[in-house]
Amino acid sequence: MGDCTNRVNLTPVAIDEGRALADTVFGGKERITSYENIPSAVFSTPEGATVGLTEAQARQKYGEDAIKVYKAHFRSTYNSLSGRDEKTMMKLVVEKSSDRVLGAHMVGESAAEIIQGVRSR
């Protein structure tokens, strides 16, 4: 769909556009695709991926004290079992009062695929 509509030509958007079309035409629930919080990735080694607000953007929008940032550095189970030393970094930017994730950022193997699952609606 994304390539046909020429809005945002990214896989997660095309998937959501297809689901919105199916919901509207076949499911009897009119729905449109939101073009906010679209995941993006850099296909490098390691991969980098992001969705939503950066820490700086969240602090500017919600206020300095309204944001909590969670960071994790870890080795994936695959790398642990295979003996590889490659690590992954993940950062979540969260609004304190609601625990709503405002942004997610990741560097590591398969980050581009993983970050698509974090997209909020």
PDB file of N, CA and C in Angstrom:
ATOM      1  N   MET A   1       0.823  -1.195   0.000  1.00  0.00           N
ATOM      2  CA  MET A   1       0.000   0.000   0.000  1.00  0.00           C
ATOM      3  C   MET A   1       0.868   1.260   0.000  1.00  0.00           C
ATOM      4  N   GLY A   2       1.889   1.316   0.883  1.00  0.00           N
ATOM      5  CA  GLY A   2       2.700   2.523   0.986  1.00  0.00           C
ATOM      6  C   GLY A   2       3.284   2.942  -0.340  1.00  0.00           C
ATOM      7  N   ASP A   3       3.736   1.960  -1.136  1.00  0.00           N
ATOM      8  CA  ASP A   3       4.303   2.286  -2.439  1.00  0.00           C
ATOM      9  C   ASP A   3       3.231   2.778  -3.412  1.00  0.00           C
ATOM     10  N   CYS A   4       1.999   2.297  -3.229  1.00  0.00           N
ATOM     11  CA  CYS A   4       0.904   2.692  -4.126  1.00  0.00           C
ATOM     12  C   CYS A   4       0.381   4.086  -3.797  1.00  0.00           C
ATOM     13  N   THR A   5       0.300   4.402  -2.517  1.00  0.00           N
ATOM     14  CA  THR A   5      -0.246   5.700  -2.117  1.00  0.00           C
ATOM     15  C   THR A   5       0.808   6.792  -2.161  1.00  0.00           C
ATOM     16  N   ASN A   6       2.082   6.401  -2.170  1.00  0.00           N
ATOM     17  CA  ASN A   6       3.228   7.306  -2.210  1.00  0.00           C
ATOM     18  C   ASN A   6       3.218   8.306  -1.062  1.00  0.00           C
ATOM     19  N   ARG A   7       2.791   7.847   0.123  1.00  0.00           N
ATOM     20  CA  ARG A   7       2.861   8.699   1.304  1.00  0.00           C
ATOM     21  C   ARG A   7       4.183   8.439   2.009  1.00  0.00           C
ATOM     22  N   VAL A   8       4.246   7.337   2.740  1.00  0.00           N
ATOM     23  CA  VAL A   8       5.479   6.943   3.422  1.00  0.00           C
ATOM     24  C   VAL A   8       5.786   5.521   2.987  1.00  0.00           C
ATOM     25  N   ASN A   9       6.845   5.355   2.224  1.00  0.00           N
ATOM     26  CA  ASN A   9       7.158   4.060   1.627  1.00  0.00           C
ATOM     27  C   ASN A   9       8.008   3.199   2.559  1.00  0.00           C
ATOM     28  N   LEU A  10       7.415   2.819   3.691  1.00  0.00           N
ATOM     29  CA  LEU A  10       8.095   1.964   4.657  1.00  0.00           C
ATOM     30  C   LEU A  10       7.190   0.790   5.005  1.00  0.00           C
ATOM     31  N   THR A  11       7.779  -0.354   5.250  1.00  0.00           N
ATOM     32  CA  THR A  11       7.030  -1.580   5.522  1.00  0.00           C
ATOM     33  C   THR A  11       5.989  -1.432   6.629  1.00  0.00           C
ATOM     34  N   PRO A  12       6.328  -0.883   7.822  1.00  0.00           N
ATOM     35  CA  PRO A  12       5.306  -0.806   8.864  1.00  0.00           C
ATOM     36  C   PRO A  12       4.101   0.036   8.473  1.00  0.00           C
ATOM     37  N   VAL A  13       4.334   1.057   7.646  1.00  0.00           N
ATOM     38  CA  VAL A  13       3.242   1.908   7.190  1.00  0.00           C
ATOM     39  C   VAL A  13       2.381   1.141   6.190  1.00  0.00           C
ATOM     40  N   ALA A  14       3.016   0.442   5.268  1.00  0.00           N
ATOM     41  CA  ALA A  14       2.273  -0.342   4.283  1.00  0.00           C
ATOM     42  C   ALA A  14       1.422  -1.405   4.966  1.00  0.00           C
ATOM     43  N   ILE A  15       1.964  -2.048   5.989  1.00  0.00           N
ATOM     44  CA  ILE A  15       1.203  -3.054   6.733  1.00  0.00           C
ATOM     45  C   ILE A  15      -0.018  -2.421   7.384  1.00  0.00           C
ATOM     46  N   ASP A  16       0.172  -1.270   8.031  1.00  0.00           N
ATOM     47  CA  ASP A  16      -0.951  -0.612   8.695  1.00  0.00           C
ATOM     48  C   ASP A  16      -1.977  -0.114   7.688  1.00  0.00           C
ATOM     49  N   GLU A  17      -1.530   0.408   6.548  1.00  0.00           N
ATOM     50  CA  GLU A  17      -2.469   0.854   5.512  1.00  0.00           C
ATOM     51  C   GLU A  17      -3.300  -0.322   4.991  1.00  0.00           C
ATOM     52  N   GLY A  18      -2.664  -1.459   4.803  1.00  0.00           N
ATOM     53  CA  GLY A  18      -3.383  -2.650   4.360  1.00  0.00           C
ATOM     54  C   GLY A  18      -4.401  -3.110   5.389  1.00  0.00           C
ATOM     55  N   ARG A  19      -4.019  -3.075   6.657  1.00  0.00           N
ATOM     56  CA  ARG A  19      -4.947  -3.454   7.727  1.00  0.00           C
ATOM     57  C   ARG A  19      -6.118  -2.469   7.811  1.00  0.00           C
ATOM     58  N   ALA A  20      -5.825  -1.185   7.650  1.00  0.00           N
ATOM     59  CA  ALA A  20      -6.892  -0.176   7.685  1.00  0.00           C
ATOM     60  C   ALA A  20      -7.868  -0.388   6.536  1.00  0.00           C
ATOM     61  N   LEU A  21      -7.354  -0.702   5.361  1.00  0.00           N
ATOM     62  CA  LEU A  21      -8.213  -0.976   4.214  1.00  0.00           C
ATOM     63  C   LEU A  21      -9.085  -2.197   4.484  1.00  0.00           C
ATOM     64  N   ALA A  22      -8.477  -3.265   4.993  1.00  0.00           N
ATOM     65  CA  ALA A  22      -9.235  -4.490   5.274  1.00  0.00           C
ATOM     66  C   ALA A  22     -10.279  -4.252   6.364  1.00  0.00           C
ATOM     67  N   ASP A  23      -9.908  -3.524   7.413  1.00  0.00           N
ATOM     68  CA  ASP A  23     -10.870  -3.215   8.482  1.00  0.00           C
ATOM     69  C   ASP A  23     -12.056  -2.428   7.934  1.00  0.00           C
ATOM     70  N   THR A  24     -11.773  -1.462   7.068  1.00  0.00           N
ATOM     71  CA  THR A  24     -12.819  -0.593   6.528  1.00  0.00           C
ATOM     72  C   THR A  24     -13.710  -1.330   5.529  1.00  0.00           C
ATOM     73  N   VAL A  25     -13.095  -2.027   4.575  1.00  0.00           N
ATOM     74  CA  VAL A  25     -13.857  -2.662   3.502  1.00  0.00           C
ATOM     75  C   VAL A  25     -14.513  -3.970   3.951  1.00  0.00           C
ATOM     76  N   PHE A  26     -13.762  -4.788   4.684  1.00  0.00           N
ATOM     77  CA  PHE A  26     -14.262  -6.122   5.016  1.00  0.00           C
ATOM     78  C   PHE A  26     -14.687  -6.283   6.474  1.00  0.00           C
ATOM     79  N   GLY A  27     -14.203  -5.435   7.351  1.00  0.00           N
ATOM     80  CA  GLY A  27     -14.496  -5.584   8.769  1.00  0.00           C
ATOM     81  C   GLY A  27     -15.600  -4.691   9.280  1.00  0.00           C
ATOM     82  N   GLY A  28     -16.047  -3.772   8.464  1.00  0.00           N
ATOM     83  CA  GLY A  28     -17.123  -2.883   8.877  1.00  0.00           C
ATOM     84  C   GLY A  28     -16.710  -1.852   9.914  1.00  0.00           C
ATOM     85  N   LYS A  29     -15.396  -1.658  10.103  1.00  0.00           N
ATOM     86  CA  LYS A  29     -14.894  -0.658  11.054  1.00  0.00           C
ATOM     87  C   LYS A  29     -14.020   0.324  10.289  1.00  0.00           C
ATOM     88  N   GLU A  30     -14.552   1.519  10.060  1.00  0.00           N
ATOM     89  CA  GLU A  30     -13.774   2.503   9.326  1.00  0.00           C
ATOM     90  C   GLU A  30     -12.559   2.924  10.143  1.00  0.00           C
ATOM     91  N   ARG A  31     -11.390   2.846   9.533  1.00  0.00           N
ATOM     92  CA  ARG A  31     -10.153   3.188  10.221  1.00  0.00           C
ATOM     93  C   ARG A  31      -9.194   3.798   9.221  1.00  0.00           C
ATOM     94  N   ILE A  32      -8.411   4.765   9.678  1.00  0.00           N
ATOM     95  CA  ILE A  32      -7.377   5.355   8.833  1.00  0.00           C
ATOM     96  C   ILE A  32      -6.021   5.126   9.493  1.00  0.00           C
ATOM     97  N   THR A  33      -4.998   5.199   8.700  1.00  0.00           N
ATOM     98  CA  THR A  33      -3.637   5.019   9.187  1.00  0.00           C
ATOM     99  C   THR A  33      -3.117   6.314   9.794  1.00  0.00           C
ATOM    100  N   SER A  34      -2.490   6.185  10.945  1.00  0.00           N
ATOM    101  CA  SER A  34      -1.816   7.331  11.561  1.00  0.00           C
ATOM    102  C   SER A  34      -0.398   7.395  11.005  1.00  0.00           C
ATOM    103  N   TYR A  35       0.024   8.579  10.640  1.00  0.00           N
ATOM    104  CA  TYR A  35       1.379   8.745  10.121  1.00  0.00           C
ATOM    105  C   TYR A  35       2.312   9.332  11.178  1.00  0.00           C
ATOM    106  N   GLU A  36       1.935   9.170  12.442  1.00  0.00           N
ATOM    107  CA  GLU A  36       2.800   9.545  13.554  1.00  0.00           C
ATOM    108  C   GLU A  36       3.517   8.295  14.053  1.00  0.00           C
ATOM    109  N   ASN A  37       4.627   8.484  14.694  1.00  0.00           N
ATOM    110  CA  ASN A  37       5.388   7.382  15.300  1.00  0.00           C
ATOM    111  C   ASN A  37       5.726   6.283  14.308  1.00  0.00           C
ATOM    112  N   ILE A  38       6.283   6.669  13.187  1.00  0.00           N
ATOM    113  CA  ILE A  38       6.682   5.697  12.173  1.00  0.00           C
ATOM    114  C   ILE A  38       8.116   5.255  12.460  1.00  0.00           C
ATOM    115  N   PRO A  39       8.327   3.956  12.616  1.00  0.00           N
ATOM    116  CA  PRO A  39       9.679   3.463  12.866  1.00  0.00           C
ATOM    117  C   PRO A  39      10.591   3.741  11.676  1.00  0.00           C
ATOM    118  N   SER A  40      11.861   3.976  11.977  1.00  0.00           N
ATOM    119  CA  SER A  40      12.856   4.118  10.917  1.00  0.00           C
ATOM    120  C   SER A  40      14.113   3.387  11.349  1.00  0.00           C
ATOM    121  N   ALA A  41      14.935   3.051  10.368  1.00  0.00           N
ATOM    122  CA  ALA A  41      16.126   2.255  10.668  1.00  0.00           C
ATOM    123  C   ALA A  41      17.282   2.652   9.773  1.00  0.00           C
ATOM    124  N   VAL A  42      18.465   2.380  10.275  1.00  0.00           N
ATOM    125  CA  VAL A  42      19.689   2.498   9.499  1.00  0.00           C
ATOM    126  C   VAL A  42      20.251   1.090   9.397  1.00  0.00           C
ATOM    127  N   PHE A  43      20.340   0.587   8.169  1.00  0.00           N
ATOM    128  CA  PHE A  43      20.807  -0.778   7.952  1.00  0.00           C
ATOM    129  C   PHE A  43      22.324  -0.783   7.859  1.00  0.00           C
ATOM    130  N   SER A  44      22.934  -0.782   9.023  1.00  0.00           N
ATOM    131  CA  SER A  44      24.385  -0.797   9.151  1.00  0.00           C
ATOM    132  C   SER A  44      24.738  -1.989  10.036  1.00  0.00           C
ATOM    133  N   THR A  45      25.989  -2.106  10.387  1.00  0.00           N
ATOM    134  CA  THR A  45      26.403  -3.153  11.325  1.00  0.00           C
ATOM    135  C   THR A  45      27.044  -2.476  12.509  1.00  0.00           C
ATOM    136  N   PRO A  46      26.375  -2.440  13.667  1.00  0.00           N
ATOM    137  CA  PRO A  46      25.046  -2.987  13.943  1.00  0.00           C
ATOM    138  C   PRO A  46      23.954  -2.064  13.421  1.00  0.00           C
ATOM    139  N   GLU A  47      22.734  -2.603  13.348  1.00  0.00           N
ATOM    140  CA  GLU A  47      21.590  -1.809  12.909  1.00  0.00           C
ATOM    141  C   GLU A  47      21.194  -0.802  13.975  1.00  0.00           C
ATOM    142  N   GLY A  48      20.648   0.325  13.542  1.00  0.00           N
ATOM    143  CA  GLY A  48      20.079   1.308  14.449  1.00  0.00           C
ATOM    144  C   GLY A  48      18.631   1.533  14.057  1.00  0.00           C
ATOM    145  N   ALA A  49      17.756   1.657  15.046  1.00  0.00           N
ATOM    146  CA  ALA A  49      16.339   1.852  14.745  1.00  0.00           C
ATOM    147  C   ALA A  49      15.706   2.737  15.809  1.00  0.00           C
ATOM    148  N   THR A  50      14.671   3.459  15.416  1.00  0.00           N
ATOM    149  CA  THR A  50      14.034   4.392  16.330  1.00  0.00           C
ATOM    150  C   THR A  50      12.565   4.558  15.974  1.00  0.00           C
ATOM    151  N   VAL A  51      11.776   4.906  16.980  1.00  0.00           N
ATOM    152  CA  VAL A  51      10.374   5.251  16.769  1.00  0.00           C
ATOM    153  C   VAL A  51       9.967   6.229  17.866  1.00  0.00           C
ATOM    154  N   GLY A  52       9.165   7.219  17.512  1.00  0.00           N
ATOM    155  CA  GLY A  52       8.671   8.162  18.509  1.00  0.00           C
ATOM    156  C   GLY A  52       9.644   9.286  18.803  1.00  0.00           C
ATOM    157  N   LEU A  53       9.456   9.888  19.975  1.00  0.00           N
ATOM    158  CA  LEU A  53      10.224  11.063  20.370  1.00  0.00           C
ATOM    159  C   LEU A  53      11.602  10.692  20.903  1.00  0.00           C
ATOM    160  N   THR A  54      12.567  11.557  20.643  1.00  0.00           N
ATOM    161  CA  THR A  54      13.864  11.424  21.291  1.00  0.00           C
ATOM    162  C   THR A  54      13.718  11.907  22.730  1.00  0.00           C
ATOM    163  N   GLU A  55      14.721  11.654  23.541  1.00  0.00           N
ATOM    164  CA  GLU A  55      14.694  12.133  24.926  1.00  0.00           C
ATOM    165  C   GLU A  55      14.575  13.655  24.964  1.00  0.00           C
ATOM    166  N   ALA A  56      15.349  14.340  24.133  1.00  0.00           N
ATOM    167  CA  ALA A  56      15.317  15.807  24.104  1.00  0.00           C
ATOM    168  C   ALA A  56      13.951  16.322  23.668  1.00  0.00           C
ATOM    169  N   GLN A  57      13.362  15.721  22.651  1.00  0.00           N
ATOM    170  CA  GLN A  57      12.041  16.144  22.180  1.00  0.00           C
ATOM    171  C   GLN A  57      10.981  15.926  23.261  1.00  0.00           C
ATOM    172  N   ALA A  58      11.050  14.801  23.950  1.00  0.00           N
ATOM    173  CA  ALA A  58      10.075  14.501  25.008  1.00  0.00           C
ATOM    174  C   ALA A  58      10.197  15.489  26.158  1.00  0.00           C
ATOM    175  N   ARG A  59      11.425  15.811  26.559  1.00  0.00           N
ATOM    176  CA  ARG A  59      11.629  16.767  27.655  1.00  0.00           C
ATOM    177  C   ARG A  59      11.130  18.155  27.263  1.00  0.00           C
ATOM    178  N   GLN A  60      11.337  18.525  26.006  1.00  0.00           N
ATOM    179  CA  GLN A  60      10.866  19.829  25.532  1.00  0.00           C
ATOM    180  C   GLN A  60       9.335  19.868  25.494  1.00  0.00           C
ATOM    181  N   LYS A  61       8.715  18.795  25.059  1.00  0.00           N
ATOM    182  CA  LYS A  61       7.257  18.762  24.906  1.00  0.00           C
ATOM    183  C   LYS A  61       6.517  18.579  26.230  1.00  0.00           C
ATOM    184  N   TYR A  62       7.044  17.703  27.126  1.00  0.00           N
ATOM    185  CA  TYR A  62       6.333  17.349  28.349  1.00  0.00           C
ATOM    186  C   TYR A  62       6.921  17.971  29.613  1.00  0.00           C
ATOM    187  N   GLY A  63       8.133  18.508  29.510  1.00  0.00           N
ATOM    188  CA  GLY A  63       8.797  19.088  30.672  1.00  0.00           C
ATOM    189  C   GLY A  63       9.897  18.186  31.197  1.00  0.00           C
ATOM    190  N   GLU A  64      10.913  18.810  31.736  1.00  0.00           N
ATOM    191  CA  GLU A  64      12.116  18.110  32.203  1.00  0.00           C
ATOM    192  C   GLU A  64      11.810  17.006  33.214  1.00  0.00           C
ATOM    193  N   ASP A  65      10.953  17.286  34.168  1.00  0.00           N
ATOM    194  CA  ASP A  65      10.681  16.333  35.247  1.00  0.00           C
ATOM    195  C   ASP A  65       9.591  15.324  34.908  1.00  0.00           C
ATOM    196  N   ALA A  66       8.964  15.445  33.753  1.00  0.00           N
ATOM    197  CA  ALA A  66       7.849  14.563  33.393  1.00  0.00           C
ATOM    198  C   ALA A  66       8.302  13.298  32.671  1.00  0.00           C
ATOM    199  N   ILE A  67       9.604  13.188  32.415  1.00  0.00           N
ATOM    200  CA  ILE A  67      10.134  12.099  31.597  1.00  0.00           C
ATOM    201  C   ILE A  67      11.045  11.185  32.410  1.00  0.00           C
ATOM    202  N   LYS A  68      10.904   9.897  32.180  1.00  0.00           N
ATOM    203  CA  LYS A  68      11.805   8.890  32.759  1.00  0.00           C
ATOM    204  C   LYS A  68      12.438   8.145  31.591  1.00  0.00           C
ATOM    205  N   VAL A  69      13.733   7.900  31.676  1.00  0.00           N
ATOM    206  CA  VAL A  69      14.448   7.215  30.607  1.00  0.00           C
ATOM    207  C   VAL A  69      14.990   5.898  31.151  1.00  0.00           C
ATOM    208  N   TYR A  70      14.707   4.837  30.436  1.00  0.00           N
ATOM    209  CA  TYR A  70      15.213   3.511  30.787  1.00  0.00           C
ATOM    210  C   TYR A  70      16.222   3.095  29.727  1.00  0.00           C
ATOM    211  N   LYS A  71      17.396   2.635  30.168  1.00  0.00           N
ATOM    212  CA  LYS A  71      18.435   2.180  29.246  1.00  0.00           C
ATOM    213  C   LYS A  71      18.840   0.765  29.616  1.00  0.00           C
ATOM    214  N   ALA A  72      19.110  -0.039  28.593  1.00  0.00           N
ATOM    215  CA  ALA A  72      19.568  -1.406  28.830  1.00  0.00           C
ATOM    216  C   ALA A  72      20.645  -1.747  27.816  1.00  0.00           C
ATOM    217  N   HIS A  73      21.683  -2.402  28.272  1.00  0.00           N
ATOM    218  CA  HIS A  73      22.739  -2.944  27.422  1.00  0.00           C
ATOM    219  C   HIS A  73      22.773  -4.438  27.717  1.00  0.00           C
ATOM    220  N   PHE A  74      22.656  -5.269  26.693  1.00  0.00           N
ATOM    221  CA  PHE A  74      22.593  -6.713  26.937  1.00  0.00           C
ATOM    222  C   PHE A  74      23.069  -7.486  25.715  1.00  0.00           C
ATOM    223  N   ARG A  75      23.349  -8.748  25.957  1.00  0.00           N
ATOM    224  CA  ARG A  75      23.649  -9.683  24.873  1.00  0.00           C
ATOM    225  C   ARG A  75      22.396 -10.495  24.616  1.00  0.00           C
ATOM    226  N   SER A  76      21.992 -10.607  23.360  1.00  0.00           N
ATOM    227  CA  SER A  76      20.793 -11.380  23.044  1.00  0.00           C
ATOM    228  C   SER A  76      21.033 -12.854  23.384  1.00  0.00           C
ATOM    229  N   THR A  77      19.959 -13.587  23.559  1.00  0.00           N
ATOM    230  CA  THR A  77      20.074 -15.015  23.860  1.00  0.00           C
ATOM    231  C   THR A  77      20.843 -15.726  22.764  1.00  0.00           C
ATOM    232  N   TYR A  78      20.586 -15.357  21.519  1.00  0.00           N
ATOM    233  CA  TYR A  78      21.296 -15.972  20.395  1.00  0.00           C
ATOM    234  C   TYR A  78      22.798 -15.776  20.533  1.00  0.00           C
ATOM    235  N   ASN A  79      23.210 -14.550  20.839  1.00  0.00           N
ATOM    236  CA  ASN A  79      24.640 -14.280  20.982  1.00  0.00           C
ATOM    237  C   ASN A  79      25.220 -14.947  22.221  1.00  0.00           C
ATOM    238  N   SER A  80      24.456 -15.026  23.277  1.00  0.00           N
ATOM    239  CA  SER A  80      24.939 -15.681  24.497  1.00  0.00           C
ATOM    240  C   SER A  80      25.189 -17.160  24.255  1.00  0.00           C
ATOM    241  N   LEU A  81      24.238 -17.821  23.588  1.00  0.00           N
ATOM    242  CA  LEU A  81      24.367 -19.258  23.346  1.00  0.00           C
ATOM    243  C   LEU A  81      25.454 -19.580  22.330  1.00  0.00           C
ATOM    244  N   SER A  82      25.653 -18.688  21.374  1.00  0.00           N
ATOM    245  CA  SER A  82      26.659 -18.941  20.336  1.00  0.00           C
ATOM    246  C   SER A  82      28.049 -18.486  20.759  1.00  0.00           C
ATOM    247  N   GLY A  83      28.141 -17.788  21.886  1.00  0.00           N
ATOM    248  CA  GLY A  83      29.434 -17.317  22.361  1.00  0.00           C
ATOM    249  C   GLY A  83      29.878 -16.007  21.737  1.00  0.00           C
ATOM    250  N   ARG A  84      29.033 -15.383  20.943  1.00  0.00           N
ATOM    251  CA  ARG A  84      29.388 -14.110  20.319  1.00  0.00           C
ATOM    252  C   ARG A  84      29.296 -13.001  21.365  1.00  0.00           C
ATOM    253  N   ASP A  85      30.137 -12.003  21.237  1.00  0.00           N
ATOM    254  CA  ASP A  85      30.208 -10.937  22.233  1.00  0.00           C
ATOM    255  C   ASP A  85      29.403  -9.696  21.842  1.00  0.00           C
ATOM    256  N   GLU A  86      28.650  -9.751  20.749  1.00  0.00           N
ATOM    257  CA  GLU A  86      27.902  -8.588  20.288  1.00  0.00           C
ATOM    258  C   GLU A  86      26.793  -8.236  21.274  1.00  0.00           C
ATOM    259  N   LYS A  87      26.656  -6.938  21.534  1.00  0.00           N
ATOM    260  CA  LYS A  87      25.658  -6.474  22.491  1.00  0.00           C
ATOM    261  C   LYS A  87      24.629  -5.591  21.817  1.00  0.00           C
ATOM    262  N   THR A  88      23.535  -5.394  22.511  1.00  0.00           N
ATOM    263  CA  THR A  88      22.434  -4.555  22.047  1.00  0.00           C
ATOM    264  C   THR A  88      22.201  -3.466  23.074  1.00  0.00           C
ATOM    265  N   MET A  89      21.835  -2.271  22.608  1.00  0.00           N
ATOM    266  CA  MET A  89      21.471  -1.177  23.503  1.00  0.00           C
ATOM    267  C   MET A  89      20.045  -0.773  23.165  1.00  0.00           C
ATOM    268  N   MET A  90      19.234  -0.597  24.200  1.00  0.00           N
ATOM    269  CA  MET A  90      17.866  -0.137  24.004  1.00  0.00           C
ATOM    270  C   MET A  90      17.580   0.977  24.995  1.00  0.00           C
ATOM    271  N   LYS A  91      16.826   1.968  24.534  1.00  0.00           N
ATOM    272  CA  LYS A  91      16.465   3.112  25.368  1.00  0.00           C
ATOM    273  C   LYS A  91      14.981   3.388  25.177  1.00  0.00           C
ATOM    274  N   LEU A  92      14.256   3.483  26.285  1.00  0.00           N
ATOM    275  CA  LEU A  92      12.841   3.837  26.249  1.00  0.00           C
ATOM    276  C   LEU A  92      12.655   5.192  26.915  1.00  0.00           C
ATOM    277  N   VAL A  93      11.920   6.076  26.273  1.00  0.00           N
ATOM    278  CA  VAL A  93      11.592   7.389  26.808  1.00  0.00           C
ATOM    279  C   VAL A  93      10.122   7.319  27.220  1.00  0.00           C
ATOM    280  N   VAL A  94       9.866   7.510  28.517  1.00  0.00           N
ATOM    281  CA  VAL A  94       8.543   7.249  29.077  1.00  0.00           C
ATOM    282  C   VAL A  94       8.008   8.488  29.794  1.00  0.00           C
ATOM    283  N   GLU A  95       6.711   8.749  29.628  1.00  0.00           N
ATOM    284  CA  GLU A  95       6.046   9.802  30.389  1.00  0.00           C
ATOM    285  C   GLU A  95       5.744   9.237  31.778  1.00  0.00           C
ATOM    286  N   LYS A  96       6.283   9.871  32.819  1.00  0.00           N
ATOM    287  CA  LYS A  96       6.162   9.353  34.188  1.00  0.00           C
ATOM    288  C   LYS A  96       4.722   9.154  34.639  1.00  0.00           C
ATOM    289  N   SER A  97       3.871  10.133  34.428  1.00  0.00           N
ATOM    290  CA  SER A  97       2.527  10.096  35.008  1.00  0.00           C
ATOM    291  C   SER A  97       1.652   8.978  34.444  1.00  0.00           C
ATOM    292  N   SER A  98       1.878   8.587  33.202  1.00  0.00           N
ATOM    293  CA  SER A  98       1.026   7.572  32.569  1.00  0.00           C
ATOM    294  C   SER A  98       1.757   6.278  32.238  1.00  0.00           C
ATOM    295  N   ASP A  99       3.080   6.262  32.378  1.00  0.00           N
ATOM    296  CA  ASP A  99       3.921   5.127  31.955  1.00  0.00           C
ATOM    297  C   ASP A  99       3.817   4.871  30.447  1.00  0.00           C
ATOM    298  N   ARG A 100       3.407   5.876  29.701  1.00  0.00           N
ATOM    299  CA  ARG A 100       3.290   5.750  28.246  1.00  0.00           C
ATOM    300  C   ARG A 100       4.665   5.886  27.603  1.00  0.00           C
ATOM    301  N   VAL A 101       5.000   4.949  26.734  1.00  0.00           N
ATOM    302  CA  VAL A 101       6.267   5.014  26.011  1.00  0.00           C
ATOM    303  C   VAL A 101       6.127   6.058  24.908  1.00  0.00           C
ATOM    304  N   LEU A 102       6.977   7.065  24.955  1.00  0.00           N
ATOM    305  CA  LEU A 102       6.953   8.153  23.977  1.00  0.00           C
ATOM    306  C   LEU A 102       7.958   7.923  22.856  1.00  0.00           C
ATOM    307  N   GLY A 103       9.005   7.140  23.155  1.00  0.00           N
ATOM    308  CA  GLY A 103      10.022   6.869  22.159  1.00  0.00           C
ATOM    309  C   GLY A 103      10.803   5.628  22.518  1.00  0.00           C
ATOM    310  N   ALA A 104      11.257   4.915  21.504  1.00  0.00           N
ATOM    311  CA  ALA A 104      12.095   3.731  21.697  1.00  0.00           C
ATOM    312  C   ALA A 104      13.226   3.785  20.682  1.00  0.00           C
ATOM    313  N   HIS A 105      14.416   3.481  21.154  1.00  0.00           N
ATOM    314  CA  HIS A 105      15.608   3.601  20.317  1.00  0.00           C
ATOM    315  C   HIS A 105      16.487   2.385  20.575  1.00  0.00           C
ATOM    316  N   MET A 106      17.038   1.810  19.509  1.00  0.00           N
ATOM    317  CA  MET A 106      17.771   0.556  19.655  1.00  0.00           C
ATOM    318  C   MET A 106      18.934   0.503  18.686  1.00  0.00           C
ATOM    319  N   VAL A 107      20.047  -0.039  19.157  1.00  0.00           N
ATOM    320  CA  VAL A 107      21.207  -0.331  18.324  1.00  0.00           C
ATOM    321  C   VAL A 107      21.584  -1.772  18.603  1.00  0.00           C
ATOM    322  N   GLY A 108      21.610  -2.587  17.563  1.00  0.00           N
ATOM    323  CA  GLY A 108      21.969  -3.987  17.725  1.00  0.00           C
ATOM    324  C   GLY A 108      21.393  -4.826  16.607  1.00  0.00           C
ATOM    325  N   GLU A 109      21.719  -6.101  16.662  1.00  0.00           N
ATOM    326  CA  GLU A 109      21.259  -7.044  15.648  1.00  0.00           C
ATOM    327  C   GLU A 109      19.730  -7.079  15.588  1.00  0.00           C
ATOM    328  N   SER A 110      19.183  -6.996  14.390  1.00  0.00           N
ATOM    329  CA  SER A 110      17.740  -7.059  14.118  1.00  0.00           C
ATOM    330  C   SER A 110      16.949  -5.894  14.708  1.00  0.00           C
ATOM    331  N   ALA A 111      17.616  -4.797  15.014  1.00  0.00           N
ATOM    332  CA  ALA A 111      16.931  -3.639  15.593  1.00  0.00           C
ATOM    333  C   ALA A 111      15.805  -3.142  14.689  1.00  0.00           C
ATOM    334  N   ALA A 112      16.016  -3.159  13.379  1.00  0.00           N
ATOM    335  CA  ALA A 112      15.007  -2.658  12.444  1.00  0.00           C
ATOM    336  C   ALA A 112      13.714  -3.469  12.531  1.00  0.00           C
ATOM    337  N   GLU A 113      13.823  -4.767  12.667  1.00  0.00           N
ATOM    338  CA  GLU A 113      12.629  -5.612  12.775  1.00  0.00           C
ATOM    339  C   GLU A 113      11.979  -5.468  14.144  1.00  0.00           C
ATOM    340  N   ILE A 114      12.780  -5.426  15.182  1.00  0.00           N
ATOM    341  CA  ILE A 114      12.262  -5.369  16.546  1.00  0.00           C
ATOM    342  C   ILE A 114      11.519  -4.070  16.802  1.00  0.00           C
ATOM    343  N   ILE A 115      12.062  -2.946  16.339  1.00  0.00           N
ATOM    344  CA  ILE A 115      11.473  -1.646  16.636  1.00  0.00           C
ATOM    345  C   ILE A 115      10.077  -1.506  16.013  1.00  0.00           C
ATOM    346  N   GLN A 116       9.792  -2.247  14.950  1.00  0.00           N
ATOM    347  CA  GLN A 116       8.463  -2.187  14.338  1.00  0.00           C
ATOM    348  C   GLN A 116       7.381  -2.658  15.300  1.00  0.00           C
ATOM    349  N   GLY A 117       7.727  -3.567  16.207  1.00  0.00           N
ATOM    350  CA  GLY A 117       6.775  -4.072  17.181  1.00  0.00           C
ATOM    351  C   GLY A 117       6.496  -3.104  18.307  1.00  0.00           C
ATOM    352  N   VAL A 118       7.287  -2.038  18.397  1.00  0.00           N
ATOM    353  CA  VAL A 118       7.136  -1.063  19.474  1.00  0.00           C
ATOM    354  C   VAL A 118       6.193   0.062  19.068  1.00  0.00           C
ATOM    355  N   ARG A 119       5.919   0.188  17.795  1.00  0.00           N
ATOM    356  CA  ARG A 119       5.071   1.283  17.304  1.00  0.00           C
ATOM    357  C   ARG A 119       3.740   1.297  18.038  1.00  0.00           C
ATOM    358  N   SER A 120       3.377   2.460  18.534  1.00  0.00           N
ATOM    359  CA  SER A 120       2.096   2.597  19.236  1.00  0.00           C
ATOM    360  C   SER A 120       1.023   3.101  18.286  1.00  0.00           C
ATOM    361  N   ARG A 121      -0.201   2.955  18.696  1.00  0.00           N
ATOM    362  CA  ARG A 121      -1.346   3.430  17.901  1.00  0.00           C
ATOM    363  C   ARG A 121      -2.032   4.525  18.635  1.00  0.00           C
TER     364      ARG A 121
END
